[in-house]
């Protein structure tokens, strides 16, 4: 079974963007990406205002050269309280991962992504 929806992927590592984009497309999703939180938020606003909103946002928790997911989620929620956002990180003991709903996220993904984990989160959150 393949998915259907539009996903915004934010990560500062090009290899993560490239590989995840291919996997998401293979699973049936449309995907756009940004390298840091402010760029992701700008793209999210642009698409929503154009009448083509994202079904899900995946935000990298920490971005050394820009806004990370922990800071960005508050701005996303201020713009769109109904945003479905997934926190993504390789640091599984970060408080934003352990209590992801308390930070405003709808789900979590650990890097490196396993295809089945990615598919499961997407199926749960995109209805």
PDB file of N, CA and C in Angstrom:
ATOM      1  N   UNK A   1       0.842  -1.181   0.000  1.00  0.00           N
ATOM      2  CA  UNK A   1       0.000   0.000   0.000  1.00  0.00           C
ATOM      3  C   UNK A   1       0.884   1.240   0.000  1.00  0.00           C
ATOM      4  N   UNK A   2       0.555   2.180  -0.867  1.00  0.00           N
ATOM      5  CA  UNK A   2       1.336   3.405  -0.913  1.00  0.00           C
ATOM      6  C   UNK A   2       0.541   4.548  -0.309  1.00  0.00           C
ATOM      7  N   UNK A   3       1.268   5.546   0.109  1.00  0.00           N
ATOM      8  CA  UNK A   3       0.639   6.691   0.736  1.00  0.00           C
ATOM      9  C   UNK A   3       0.262   7.752  -0.267  1.00  0.00           C
ATOM     10  N   UNK A   4      -0.397   8.764   0.253  1.00  0.00           N
ATOM     11  CA  UNK A   4      -0.777   9.901  -0.573  1.00  0.00           C
ATOM     12  C   UNK A   4      -0.770  11.121   0.326  1.00  0.00           C
ATOM     13  N   UNK A   5      -0.103  12.155  -0.112  1.00  0.00           N
ATOM     14  CA  UNK A   5      -0.055  13.382   0.654  1.00  0.00           C
ATOM     15  C   UNK A   5       1.142  14.216   0.264  1.00  0.00           C
ATOM     16  N   UNK A   6       1.213  15.399   0.861  1.00  0.00           N
ATOM     17  CA  UNK A   6       2.280  16.351   0.575  1.00  0.00           C
ATOM     18  C   UNK A   6       3.070  16.580   1.858  1.00  0.00           C
ATOM     19  N   UNK A   7       4.363  16.361   1.772  1.00  0.00           N
ATOM     20  CA  UNK A   7       5.220  16.414   2.962  1.00  0.00           C
ATOM     21  C   UNK A   7       6.307  17.461   2.784  1.00  0.00           C
ATOM     22  N   UNK A   8       6.551  18.213   3.861  1.00  0.00           N
ATOM     23  CA  UNK A   8       7.655  19.156   3.928  1.00  0.00           C
ATOM     24  C   UNK A   8       8.717  18.551   4.833  1.00  0.00           C
ATOM     25  N   UNK A   9       9.894  18.357   4.290  1.00  0.00           N
ATOM     26  CA  UNK A   9      11.015  17.776   5.026  1.00  0.00           C
ATOM     27  C   UNK A   9      12.067  18.846   5.265  1.00  0.00           C
ATOM     28  N   UNK A  10      12.408  19.084   6.534  1.00  0.00           N
ATOM     29  CA  UNK A  10      13.445  20.050   6.869  1.00  0.00           C
ATOM     30  C   UNK A  10      14.598  19.320   7.552  1.00  0.00           C
ATOM     31  N   UNK A  11      15.771  19.424   6.937  1.00  0.00           N
ATOM     32  CA  UNK A  11      16.986  18.831   7.500  1.00  0.00           C
ATOM     33  C   UNK A  11      18.171  19.591   6.932  1.00  0.00           C
ATOM     34  N   UNK A  12      19.228  19.742   7.723  1.00  0.00           N
ATOM     35  CA  UNK A  12      20.404  20.469   7.251  1.00  0.00           C
ATOM     36  C   UNK A  12      21.395  19.583   6.511  1.00  0.00           C
ATOM     37  N   UNK A  13      21.189  18.275   6.523  1.00  0.00           N
ATOM     38  CA  UNK A  13      22.113  17.361   5.855  1.00  0.00           C
ATOM     39  C   UNK A  13      21.554  16.964   4.491  1.00  0.00           C
ATOM     40  N   UNK A  14      22.310  17.290   3.436  1.00  0.00           N
ATOM     41  CA  UNK A  14      21.850  17.030   2.078  1.00  0.00           C
ATOM     42  C   UNK A  14      21.586  15.545   1.833  1.00  0.00           C
ATOM     43  N   UNK A  15      22.405  14.676   2.384  1.00  0.00           N
ATOM     44  CA  UNK A  15      22.217  13.236   2.172  1.00  0.00           C
ATOM     45  C   UNK A  15      20.881  12.766   2.751  1.00  0.00           C
ATOM     46  N   UNK A  16      20.491  13.312   3.908  1.00  0.00           N
ATOM     47  CA  UNK A  16      19.197  12.969   4.511  1.00  0.00           C
ATOM     48  C   UNK A  16      18.066  13.443   3.595  1.00  0.00           C
ATOM     49  N   UNK A  17      18.185  14.672   3.088  1.00  0.00           N
ATOM     50  CA  UNK A  17      17.160  15.203   2.181  1.00  0.00           C
ATOM     51  C   UNK A  17      17.036  14.346   0.930  1.00  0.00           C
ATOM     52  N   UNK A  18      18.175  14.011   0.333  1.00  0.00           N
ATOM     53  CA  UNK A  18      18.167  13.247  -0.916  1.00  0.00           C
ATOM     54  C   UNK A  18      17.576  11.851  -0.739  1.00  0.00           C
ATOM     55  N   UNK A  19      18.055  11.133   0.252  1.00  0.00           N
ATOM     56  CA  UNK A  19      17.595   9.760   0.461  1.00  0.00           C
ATOM     57  C   UNK A  19      16.129   9.728   0.888  1.00  0.00           C
ATOM     58  N   UNK A  20      15.765  10.600   1.828  1.00  0.00           N
ATOM     59  CA  UNK A  20      14.386  10.614   2.319  1.00  0.00           C
ATOM     60  C   UNK A  20      13.423  11.049   1.220  1.00  0.00           C
ATOM     61  N   UNK A  21      13.837  11.984   0.389  1.00  0.00           N
ATOM     62  CA  UNK A  21      12.995  12.397  -0.735  1.00  0.00           C
ATOM     63  C   UNK A  21      12.699  11.199  -1.639  1.00  0.00           C
ATOM     64  N   UNK A  22      13.712  10.425  -1.946  1.00  0.00           N
ATOM     65  CA  UNK A  22      13.514   9.249  -2.811  1.00  0.00           C
ATOM     66  C   UNK A  22      12.584   8.229  -2.158  1.00  0.00           C
ATOM     67  N   UNK A  23      12.772   7.997  -0.876  1.00  0.00           N
ATOM     68  CA  UNK A  23      11.919   7.036  -0.158  1.00  0.00           C
ATOM     69  C   UNK A  23      10.468   7.531  -0.128  1.00  0.00           C
ATOM     70  N   UNK A  24      10.283   8.811   0.188  1.00  0.00           N
ATOM     71  CA  UNK A  24       8.928   9.364   0.249  1.00  0.00           C
ATOM     72  C   UNK A  24       8.238   9.291  -1.109  1.00  0.00           C
ATOM     73  N   UNK A  25       8.967   9.599  -2.169  1.00  0.00           N
ATOM     74  CA  UNK A  25       8.398   9.509  -3.514  1.00  0.00           C
ATOM     75  C   UNK A  25       8.056   8.057  -3.849  1.00  0.00           C
ATOM     76  N   UNK A  26       8.937   7.141  -3.473  1.00  0.00           N
ATOM     77  CA  UNK A  26       8.689   5.722  -3.702  1.00  0.00           C
ATOM     78  C   UNK A  26       7.414   5.270  -2.983  1.00  0.00           C
ATOM     79  N   UNK A  27       7.193   5.810  -1.778  1.00  0.00           N
ATOM     80  CA  UNK A  27       6.004   5.459  -1.001  1.00  0.00           C
ATOM     81  C   UNK A  27       4.738   6.153  -1.507  1.00  0.00           C
ATOM     82  N   UNK A  28       4.883   7.084  -2.451  1.00  0.00           N
ATOM     83  CA  UNK A  28       3.720   7.720  -3.055  1.00  0.00           C
ATOM     84  C   UNK A  28       3.447   9.147  -2.623  1.00  0.00           C
ATOM     85  N   UNK A  29       4.350   9.746  -1.875  1.00  0.00           N
ATOM     86  CA  UNK A  29       4.142  11.104  -1.365  1.00  0.00           C
ATOM     87  C   UNK A  29       4.824  12.142  -2.246  1.00  0.00           C
ATOM     88  N   UNK A  30       4.235  13.342  -2.272  1.00  0.00           N
ATOM     89  CA  UNK A  30       4.896  14.498  -2.865  1.00  0.00           C
ATOM     90  C   UNK A  30       5.731  15.119  -1.759  1.00  0.00           C
ATOM     91  N   UNK A  31       6.912  15.600  -2.093  1.00  0.00           N
ATOM     92  CA  UNK A  31       7.793  16.122  -1.052  1.00  0.00           C
ATOM     93  C   UNK A  31       8.498  17.390  -1.524  1.00  0.00           C
ATOM     94  N   UNK A  32       8.612  18.326  -0.598  1.00  0.00           N
ATOM     95  CA  UNK A  32       9.411  19.534  -0.784  1.00  0.00           C
ATOM     96  C   UNK A  32      10.319  19.619   0.439  1.00  0.00           C
ATOM     97  N   UNK A  33      11.419  20.347   0.301  1.00  0.00           N
ATOM     98  CA  UNK A  33      12.327  20.384   1.443  1.00  0.00           C
ATOM     99  C   UNK A  33      12.957  21.742   1.665  1.00  0.00           C
ATOM    100  N   UNK A  34      13.449  21.904   2.890  1.00  0.00           N
ATOM    101  CA  UNK A  34      14.144  23.109   3.317  1.00  0.00           C
ATOM    102  C   UNK A  34      15.331  22.682   4.172  1.00  0.00           C
ATOM    103  N   UNK A  35      16.329  23.558   4.274  1.00  0.00           N
ATOM    104  CA  UNK A  35      17.554  23.235   5.006  1.00  0.00           C
ATOM    105  C   UNK A  35      17.531  23.686   6.465  1.00  0.00           C
ATOM    106  N   UNK A  36      16.585  24.575   6.828  1.00  0.00           N
ATOM    107  CA  UNK A  36      16.483  25.019   8.221  1.00  0.00           C
ATOM    108  C   UNK A  36      15.077  25.526   8.475  1.00  0.00           C
ATOM    109  N   UNK A  37      14.772  25.784   9.752  1.00  0.00           N
ATOM    110  CA  UNK A  37      13.417  26.047  10.187  1.00  0.00           C
ATOM    111  C   UNK A  37      12.733  27.257   9.588  1.00  0.00           C
ATOM    112  N   UNK A  38      13.438  28.377   9.473  1.00  0.00           N
ATOM    113  CA  UNK A  38      12.796  29.574   8.925  1.00  0.00           C
ATOM    114  C   UNK A  38      12.425  29.366   7.463  1.00  0.00           C
ATOM    115  N   UNK A  39      13.299  28.741   6.705  1.00  0.00           N
ATOM    116  CA  UNK A  39      13.001  28.449   5.299  1.00  0.00           C
ATOM    117  C   UNK A  39      11.814  27.489   5.199  1.00  0.00           C
ATOM    118  N   UNK A  40      11.748  26.517   6.103  1.00  0.00           N
ATOM    119  CA  UNK A  40      10.630  25.567   6.120  1.00  0.00           C
ATOM    120  C   UNK A  40       9.325  26.289   6.439  1.00  0.00           C
ATOM    121  N   UNK A  41       9.356  27.167   7.418  1.00  0.00           N
ATOM    122  CA  UNK A  41       8.161  27.919   7.794  1.00  0.00           C
ATOM    123  C   UNK A  41       7.695  28.811   6.647  1.00  0.00           C
ATOM    124  N   UNK A  42       8.633  29.481   5.989  1.00  0.00           N
ATOM    125  CA  UNK A  42       8.280  30.336   4.851  1.00  0.00           C
ATOM    126  C   UNK A  42       7.619  29.518   3.740  1.00  0.00           C
ATOM    127  N   UNK A  43       8.165  28.345   3.449  1.00  0.00           N
ATOM    128  CA  UNK A  43       7.598  27.473   2.423  1.00  0.00           C
ATOM    129  C   UNK A  43       6.226  26.958   2.844  1.00  0.00           C
ATOM    130  N   UNK A  44       6.084  26.608   4.115  1.00  0.00           N
ATOM    131  CA  UNK A  44       4.802  26.137   4.644  1.00  0.00           C
ATOM    132  C   UNK A  44       3.734  27.222   4.474  1.00  0.00           C
ATOM    133  N   UNK A  45       4.065  28.456   4.847  1.00  0.00           N
ATOM    134  CA  UNK A  45       3.120  29.572   4.727  1.00  0.00           C
ATOM    135  C   UNK A  45       2.754  29.817   3.260  1.00  0.00           C
ATOM    136  N   UNK A  46       3.764  29.804   2.409  1.00  0.00           N
ATOM    137  CA  UNK A  46       3.547  30.048   0.980  1.00  0.00           C
ATOM    138  C   UNK A  46       2.576  29.025   0.397  1.00  0.00           C
ATOM    139  N   UNK A  47       2.796  27.752   0.689  1.00  0.00           N
ATOM    140  CA  UNK A  47       1.950  26.695   0.139  1.00  0.00           C
ATOM    141  C   UNK A  47       0.540  26.733   0.723  1.00  0.00           C
ATOM    142  N   UNK A  48       0.428  26.997   2.018  1.00  0.00           N
ATOM    143  CA  UNK A  48      -0.900  27.070   2.650  1.00  0.00           C
ATOM    144  C   UNK A  48      -1.689  28.252   2.103  1.00  0.00           C
ATOM    145  N   UNK A  49      -1.031  29.396   1.983  1.00  0.00           N
ATOM    146  CA  UNK A  49      -1.699  30.587   1.459  1.00  0.00           C
ATOM    147  C   UNK A  49      -2.088  30.428  -0.008  1.00  0.00           C
ATOM    148  N   UNK A  50      -1.390  29.560  -0.733  1.00  0.00           N
ATOM    149  CA  UNK A  50      -1.698  29.296  -2.142  1.00  0.00           C
ATOM    150  C   UNK A  50      -2.790  28.238  -2.296  1.00  0.00           C
ATOM    151  N   UNK A  51      -3.263  27.702  -1.173  1.00  0.00           N
ATOM    152  CA  UNK A  51      -4.314  26.691  -1.231  1.00  0.00           C
ATOM    153  C   UNK A  51      -3.804  25.287  -1.482  1.00  0.00           C
ATOM    154  N   UNK A  52      -2.506  25.083  -1.288  1.00  0.00           N
ATOM    155  CA  UNK A  52      -1.895  23.764  -1.492  1.00  0.00           C
ATOM    156  C   UNK A  52      -1.105  23.372  -0.246  1.00  0.00           C
ATOM    157  N   UNK A  53      -1.793  23.213   0.895  1.00  0.00           N
ATOM    158  CA  UNK A  53      -1.082  22.987   2.166  1.00  0.00           C
ATOM    159  C   UNK A  53      -0.392  21.627   2.234  1.00  0.00           C
ATOM    160  N   UNK A  54       0.578  21.570   3.127  1.00  0.00           N
ATOM    161  CA  UNK A  54       1.255  20.306   3.421  1.00  0.00           C
ATOM    162  C   UNK A  54       0.390  19.474   4.354  1.00  0.00           C
ATOM    163  N   UNK A  55       0.446  18.160   4.185  1.00  0.00           N
ATOM    164  CA  UNK A  55      -0.258  17.247   5.079  1.00  0.00           C
ATOM    165  C   UNK A  55       0.571  16.945   6.323  1.00  0.00           C
ATOM    166  N   UNK A  56       1.893  17.084   6.195  1.00  0.00           N
ATOM    167  CA  UNK A  56       2.788  16.732   7.297  1.00  0.00           C
ATOM    168  C   UNK A  56       4.120  17.449   7.116  1.00  0.00           C
ATOM    169  N   UNK A  57       4.717  17.808   8.246  1.00  0.00           N
ATOM    170  CA  UNK A  57       6.032  18.435   8.255  1.00  0.00           C
ATOM    171  C   UNK A  57       6.958  17.562   9.097  1.00  0.00           C
ATOM    172  N   UNK A  58       8.155  17.294   8.602  1.00  0.00           N
ATOM    173  CA  UNK A  58       9.181  16.577   9.355  1.00  0.00           C
ATOM    174  C   UNK A  58      10.295  17.577   9.630  1.00  0.00           C
ATOM    175  N   UNK A  59      10.558  17.834  10.919  1.00  0.00           N
ATOM    176  CA  UNK A  59      11.526  18.854  11.319  1.00  0.00           C
ATOM    177  C   UNK A  59      12.711  18.243  12.047  1.00  0.00           C
ATOM    178  N   UNK A  60      13.897  18.482  11.522  1.00  0.00           N
ATOM    179  CA  UNK A  60      15.132  18.080  12.182  1.00  0.00           C
ATOM    180  C   UNK A  60      15.254  18.871  13.476  1.00  0.00           C
ATOM    181  N   UNK A  61      15.539  18.190  14.553  1.00  0.00           N
ATOM    182  CA  UNK A  61      15.581  18.822  15.867  1.00  0.00           C
ATOM    183  C   UNK A  61      16.670  19.881  15.979  1.00  0.00           C
ATOM    184  N   UNK A  62      17.874  19.542  15.537  1.00  0.00           N
ATOM    185  CA  UNK A  62      18.979  20.488  15.706  1.00  0.00           C
ATOM    186  C   UNK A  62      19.629  20.795  14.361  1.00  0.00           C
ATOM    187  N   UNK A  63      19.757  22.098  14.095  1.00  0.00           N
ATOM    188  CA  UNK A  63      20.364  22.584  12.859  1.00  0.00           C
ATOM    189  C   UNK A  63      21.424  23.597  13.266  1.00  0.00           C
ATOM    190  N   UNK A  64      22.707  23.239  13.177  1.00  0.00           N
ATOM    191  CA  UNK A  64      23.764  24.134  13.640  1.00  0.00           C
ATOM    192  C   UNK A  64      23.797  25.506  12.957  1.00  0.00           C
ATOM    193  N   UNK A  65      23.467  25.564  11.679  1.00  0.00           N
ATOM    194  CA  UNK A  65      23.558  26.822  10.932  1.00  0.00           C
ATOM    195  C   UNK A  65      22.179  27.415  10.624  1.00  0.00           C
ATOM    196  N   UNK A  66      21.259  27.336  11.573  1.00  0.00           N
ATOM    197  CA  UNK A  66      19.934  27.885  11.341  1.00  0.00           C
ATOM    198  C   UNK A  66      18.984  27.460  12.441  1.00  0.00           C
ATOM    199  N   UNK A  67      17.713  27.683  12.204  1.00  0.00           N
ATOM    200  CA  UNK A  67      16.687  27.353  13.184  1.00  0.00           C
ATOM    201  C   UNK A  67      16.362  25.862  13.128  1.00  0.00           C
ATOM    202  N   UNK A  68      16.421  25.217  14.281  1.00  0.00           N
ATOM    203  CA  UNK A  68      16.084  23.802  14.382  1.00  0.00           C
ATOM    204  C   UNK A  68      14.611  23.600  14.685  1.00  0.00           C
ATOM    205  N   UNK A  69      14.214  22.353  14.705  1.00  0.00           N
ATOM    206  CA  UNK A  69      12.819  22.000  14.893  1.00  0.00           C
ATOM    207  C   UNK A  69      12.233  22.402  16.228  1.00  0.00           C
ATOM    208  N   UNK A  70      13.045  22.370  17.273  1.00  0.00           N
ATOM    209  CA  UNK A  70      12.539  22.722  18.605  1.00  0.00           C
ATOM    210  C   UNK A  70      12.058  24.172  18.647  1.00  0.00           C
ATOM    211  N   UNK A  71      12.790  25.059  18.009  1.00  0.00           N
ATOM    212  CA  UNK A  71      12.385  26.464  17.941  1.00  0.00           C
ATOM    213  C   UNK A  71      11.294  26.664  16.884  1.00  0.00           C
ATOM    214  N   UNK A  72      11.418  25.977  15.768  1.00  0.00           N
ATOM    215  CA  UNK A  72      10.491  26.174  14.651  1.00  0.00           C
ATOM    216  C   UNK A  72       9.062  25.726  14.969  1.00  0.00           C
ATOM    217  N   UNK A  73       8.902  24.681  15.754  1.00  0.00           N
ATOM    218  CA  UNK A  73       7.556  24.143  15.983  1.00  0.00           C
ATOM    219  C   UNK A  73       6.630  25.196  16.607  1.00  0.00           C
ATOM    220  N   UNK A  74       7.146  26.023  17.486  1.00  0.00           N
ATOM    221  CA  UNK A  74       6.328  27.073  18.081  1.00  0.00           C
ATOM    222  C   UNK A  74       5.841  28.074  17.039  1.00  0.00           C
ATOM    223  N   UNK A  75       6.686  28.405  16.081  1.00  0.00           N
ATOM    224  CA  UNK A  75       6.313  29.335  15.017  1.00  0.00           C
ATOM    225  C   UNK A  75       5.319  28.688  14.056  1.00  0.00           C
ATOM    226  N   UNK A  76       5.510  27.417  13.775  1.00  0.00           N
ATOM    227  CA  UNK A  76       4.550  26.682  12.946  1.00  0.00           C
ATOM    228  C   UNK A  76       3.180  26.672  13.618  1.00  0.00           C
ATOM    229  N   UNK A  77       3.150  26.362  14.906  1.00  0.00           N
ATOM    230  CA  UNK A  77       1.879  26.288  15.645  1.00  0.00           C
ATOM    231  C   UNK A  77       1.216  27.669  15.754  1.00  0.00           C
ATOM    232  N   UNK A  78       2.017  28.727  15.883  1.00  0.00           N
ATOM    233  CA  UNK A  78       1.456  30.078  15.938  1.00  0.00           C
ATOM    234  C   UNK A  78       0.764  30.428  14.619  1.00  0.00           C
ATOM    235  N   UNK A  79       1.343  29.986  13.506  1.00  0.00           N
ATOM    236  CA  UNK A  79       0.751  30.237  12.194  1.00  0.00           C
ATOM    237  C   UNK A  79      -0.422  29.304  11.913  1.00  0.00           C
ATOM    238  N   UNK A  80      -0.258  28.021  12.264  1.00  0.00           N
ATOM    239  CA  UNK A  80      -1.274  27.012  11.978  1.00  0.00           C
ATOM    240  C   UNK A  80      -1.369  26.045  13.156  1.00  0.00           C
ATOM    241  N   UNK A  81      -2.300  26.283  14.081  1.00  0.00           N
ATOM    242  CA  UNK A  81      -2.423  25.409  15.259  1.00  0.00           C
ATOM    243  C   UNK A  81      -2.714  23.947  14.922  1.00  0.00           C
ATOM    244  N   UNK A  82      -3.167  23.674  13.698  1.00  0.00           N
ATOM    245  CA  UNK A  82      -3.502  22.310  13.292  1.00  0.00           C
ATOM    246  C   UNK A  82      -2.364  21.595  12.571  1.00  0.00           C
ATOM    247  N   UNK A  83      -1.188  22.211  12.497  1.00  0.00           N
ATOM    248  CA  UNK A  83      -0.067  21.602  11.780  1.00  0.00           C
ATOM    249  C   UNK A  83       0.259  20.223  12.364  1.00  0.00           C
ATOM    250  N   UNK A  84       0.530  19.283  11.486  1.00  0.00           N
ATOM    251  CA  UNK A  84       1.009  17.961  11.909  1.00  0.00           C
ATOM    252  C   UNK A  84       2.507  17.941  11.654  1.00  0.00           C
ATOM    253  N   UNK A  85       3.275  17.875  12.736  1.00  0.00           N
ATOM    254  CA  UNK A  85       4.723  17.952  12.632  1.00  0.00           C
ATOM    255  C   UNK A  85       5.366  16.793  13.376  1.00  0.00           C
ATOM    256  N   UNK A  86       6.407  16.248  12.762  1.00  0.00           N
ATOM    257  CA  UNK A  86       7.161  15.140  13.331  1.00  0.00           C
ATOM    258  C   UNK A  86       8.566  15.637  13.652  1.00  0.00           C
ATOM    259  N   UNK A  87       9.038  15.367  14.857  1.00  0.00           N
ATOM    260  CA  UNK A  87      10.408  15.708  15.225  1.00  0.00           C
ATOM    261  C   UNK A  87      11.320  14.584  14.745  1.00  0.00           C
ATOM    262  N   UNK A  88      12.450  14.979  14.182  1.00  0.00           N
ATOM    263  CA  UNK A  88      13.404  14.027  13.628  1.00  0.00           C
ATOM    264  C   UNK A  88      14.781  14.305  14.217  1.00  0.00           C
ATOM    265  N   UNK A  89      15.428  13.254  14.724  1.00  0.00           N
ATOM    266  CA  UNK A  89      16.755  13.440  15.320  1.00  0.00           C
ATOM    267  C   UNK A  89      17.487  12.123  15.478  1.00  0.00           C
ATOM    268  N   UNK A  90      18.764  12.234  15.643  1.00  0.00           N
ATOM    269  CA  UNK A  90      19.588  11.085  15.977  1.00  0.00           C
ATOM    270  C   UNK A  90      19.837  11.011  17.478  1.00  0.00           C
ATOM    271  N   UNK A  91      19.309  11.995  18.230  1.00  0.00           N
ATOM    272  CA  UNK A  91      19.499  12.064  19.679  1.00  0.00           C
ATOM    273  C   UNK A  91      18.211  11.661  20.374  1.00  0.00           C
ATOM    274  N   UNK A  92      18.076  10.405  20.683  1.00  0.00           N
ATOM    275  CA  UNK A  92      16.807   9.892  21.215  1.00  0.00           C
ATOM    276  C   UNK A  92      16.541  10.285  22.664  1.00  0.00           C
ATOM    277  N   UNK A  93      17.524  10.833  23.371  1.00  0.00           N
ATOM    278  CA  UNK A  93      17.296  11.197  24.766  1.00  0.00           C
ATOM    279  C   UNK A  93      17.032  12.692  24.964  1.00  0.00           C
ATOM    280  N   UNK A  94      16.847  13.439  23.890  1.00  0.00           N
ATOM    281  CA  UNK A  94      16.520  14.860  23.991  1.00  0.00           C
ATOM    282  C   UNK A  94      15.105  14.999  24.545  1.00  0.00           C
ATOM    283  N   UNK A  95      14.859  15.959  25.435  1.00  0.00           N
ATOM    284  CA  UNK A  95      13.516  16.142  25.998  1.00  0.00           C
ATOM    285  C   UNK A  95      12.427  16.331  24.938  1.00  0.00           C
ATOM    286  N   UNK A  96      12.749  16.973  23.818  1.00  0.00           N
ATOM    287  CA  UNK A  96      11.758  17.194  22.762  1.00  0.00           C
ATOM    288  C   UNK A  96      11.372  15.893  22.067  1.00  0.00           C
ATOM    289  N   UNK A  97      12.197  14.874  22.202  1.00  0.00           N
ATOM    290  CA  UNK A  97      11.880  13.560  21.636  1.00  0.00           C
ATOM    291  C   UNK A  97      11.143  12.718  22.676  1.00  0.00           C
ATOM    292  N   UNK A  98      11.618  12.764  23.909  1.00  0.00           N
ATOM    293  CA  UNK A  98      11.000  11.978  24.974  1.00  0.00           C
ATOM    294  C   UNK A  98       9.573  12.435  25.260  1.00  0.00           C
ATOM    295  N   UNK A  99       9.324  13.750  25.158  1.00  0.00           N
ATOM    296  CA  UNK A  99       7.987  14.313  25.391  1.00  0.00           C
ATOM    297  C   UNK A  99       7.576  15.116  24.159  1.00  0.00           C
ATOM    298  N   UNK A 100       7.581  14.470  22.995  1.00  0.00           N
ATOM    299  CA  UNK A 100       7.364  15.195  21.749  1.00  0.00           C
ATOM    300  C   UNK A 100       6.021  15.925  21.699  1.00  0.00           C
ATOM    301  N   UNK A 101       4.966  15.345  22.272  1.00  0.00           N
ATOM    302  CA  UNK A 101       3.668  16.035  22.254  1.00  0.00           C
ATOM    303  C   UNK A 101       3.696  17.287  23.144  1.00  0.00           C
ATOM    304  N   UNK A 102       4.446  17.233  24.218  1.00  0.00           N
ATOM    305  CA  UNK A 102       4.581  18.392  25.091  1.00  0.00           C
ATOM    306  C   UNK A 102       5.280  19.556  24.414  1.00  0.00           C
ATOM    307  N   UNK A 103       6.069  19.273  23.403  1.00  0.00           N
ATOM    308  CA  UNK A 103       6.769  20.311  22.655  1.00  0.00           C
ATOM    309  C   UNK A 103       5.977  20.760  21.425  1.00  0.00           C
ATOM    310  N   UNK A 104       4.833  20.124  21.165  1.00  0.00           N
ATOM    311  CA  UNK A 104       3.991  20.527  20.052  1.00  0.00           C
ATOM    312  C   UNK A 104       4.077  19.647  18.822  1.00  0.00           C
ATOM    313  N   UNK A 105       4.826  18.560  18.913  1.00  0.00           N
ATOM    314  CA  UNK A 105       4.958  17.646  17.781  1.00  0.00           C
ATOM    315  C   UNK A 105       3.871  16.567  17.829  1.00  0.00           C
ATOM    316  N   UNK A 106       3.549  16.027  16.671  1.00  0.00           N
ATOM    317  CA  UNK A 106       2.538  14.976  16.562  1.00  0.00           C
ATOM    318  C   UNK A 106       3.149  13.580  16.537  1.00  0.00           C
ATOM    319  N   UNK A 107       4.437  13.498  16.265  1.00  0.00           N
ATOM    320  CA  UNK A 107       5.113  12.214  16.177  1.00  0.00           C
ATOM    321  C   UNK A 107       6.618  12.410  16.223  1.00  0.00           C
ATOM    322  N   UNK A 108       7.349  11.296  16.177  1.00  0.00           N
ATOM    323  CA  UNK A 108       8.814  11.363  16.218  1.00  0.00           C
ATOM    324  C   UNK A 108       9.402  10.307  15.298  1.00  0.00           C
ATOM    325  N   UNK A 109      10.578  10.616  14.769  1.00  0.00           N
ATOM    326  CA  UNK A 109      11.344   9.694  13.937  1.00  0.00           C
ATOM    327  C   UNK A 109      12.800   9.752  14.357  1.00  0.00           C
ATOM    328  N   UNK A 110      13.419   8.592  14.470  1.00  0.00           N
ATOM    329  CA  UNK A 110      14.836   8.528  14.798  1.00  0.00           C
ATOM    330  C   UNK A 110      15.648   8.345  13.527  1.00  0.00           C
ATOM    331  N   UNK A 111      16.759   9.066  13.457  1.00  0.00           N
ATOM    332  CA  UNK A 111      17.689   8.914  12.335  1.00  0.00           C
ATOM    333  C   UNK A 111      18.740   7.885  12.712  1.00  0.00           C
ATOM    334  N   UNK A 112      19.201   7.109  11.782  1.00  0.00           N
ATOM    335  CA  UNK A 112      18.748   7.060  10.390  1.00  0.00           C
ATOM    336  C   UNK A 112      17.365   6.431  10.291  1.00  0.00           C
ATOM    337  N   UNK A 113      16.569   6.938   9.356  1.00  0.00           N
ATOM    338  CA  UNK A 113      15.205   6.445   9.191  1.00  0.00           C
ATOM    339  C   UNK A 113      15.194   5.012   8.691  1.00  0.00           C
ATOM    340  N   UNK A 114      14.287   4.243   9.257  1.00  0.00           N
ATOM    341  CA  UNK A 114      13.982   2.923   8.719  1.00  0.00           C
ATOM    342  C   UNK A 114      12.705   3.104   7.913  1.00  0.00           C
ATOM    343  N   UNK A 115      12.654   2.536   6.734  1.00  0.00           N
ATOM    344  CA  UNK A 115      11.510   2.742   5.851  1.00  0.00           C
ATOM    345  C   UNK A 115      10.196   2.388   6.540  1.00  0.00           C
ATOM    346  N   UNK A 116      10.169   1.277   7.265  1.00  0.00           N
ATOM    347  CA  UNK A 116       8.924   0.877   7.934  1.00  0.00           C
ATOM    348  C   UNK A 116       8.510   1.866   9.017  1.00  0.00           C
ATOM    349  N   UNK A 117       9.483   2.425   9.747  1.00  0.00           N
ATOM    350  CA  UNK A 117       9.165   3.428  10.773  1.00  0.00           C
ATOM    351  C   UNK A 117       8.609   4.695  10.130  1.00  0.00           C
ATOM    352  N   UNK A 118       9.236   5.106   9.050  1.00  0.00           N
ATOM    353  CA  UNK A 118       8.788   6.294   8.333  1.00  0.00           C
ATOM    354  C   UNK A 118       7.371   6.079   7.798  1.00  0.00           C
ATOM    355  N   UNK A 119       7.155   4.952   7.174  1.00  0.00           N
ATOM    356  CA  UNK A 119       5.838   4.633   6.611  1.00  0.00           C
ATOM    357  C   UNK A 119       4.769   4.590   7.704  1.00  0.00           C
ATOM    358  N   UNK A 120       5.100   4.004   8.841  1.00  0.00           N
ATOM    359  CA  UNK A 120       4.146   3.881   9.947  1.00  0.00           C
ATOM    360  C   UNK A 120       3.730   5.255  10.480  1.00  0.00           C
ATOM    361  N   UNK A 121       4.692   6.142  10.693  1.00  0.00           N
ATOM    362  CA  UNK A 121       4.390   7.484  11.199  1.00  0.00           C
ATOM    363  C   UNK A 121       3.520   8.243  10.201  1.00  0.00           C
ATOM    364  N   UNK A 122       3.850   8.131   8.928  1.00  0.00           N
ATOM    365  CA  UNK A 122       3.078   8.830   7.910  1.00  0.00           C
ATOM    366  C   UNK A 122       1.642   8.308   7.850  1.00  0.00           C
ATOM    367  N   UNK A 123       1.483   7.002   7.892  1.00  0.00           N
ATOM    368  CA  UNK A 123       0.147   6.417   7.845  1.00  0.00           C
ATOM    369  C   UNK A 123      -0.677   6.811   9.070  1.00  0.00           C
ATOM    370  N   UNK A 124      -0.038   6.921  10.229  1.00  0.00           N
ATOM    371  CA  UNK A 124      -0.748   7.307  11.448  1.00  0.00           C
ATOM    372  C   UNK A 124      -1.223   8.756  11.412  1.00  0.00           C
ATOM    373  N   UNK A 125      -0.413   9.626  10.830  1.00  0.00           N
ATOM    374  CA  UNK A 125      -0.694  11.052  10.920  1.00  0.00           C
ATOM    375  C   UNK A 125      -1.400  11.640   9.707  1.00  0.00           C
ATOM    376  N   UNK A 126      -1.294  11.002   8.564  1.00  0.00           N
ATOM    377  CA  UNK A 126      -1.978  11.506   7.361  1.00  0.00           C
ATOM    378  C   UNK A 126      -3.197  10.645   7.126  1.00  0.00           C
ATOM    379  N   UNK A 127      -4.325  11.220   7.320  1.00  0.00           N
ATOM    380  CA  UNK A 127      -5.591  10.485   7.149  1.00  0.00           C
ATOM    381  C   UNK A 127      -6.293  10.935   5.897  1.00  0.00           C
TER     382      UNK A 127
END
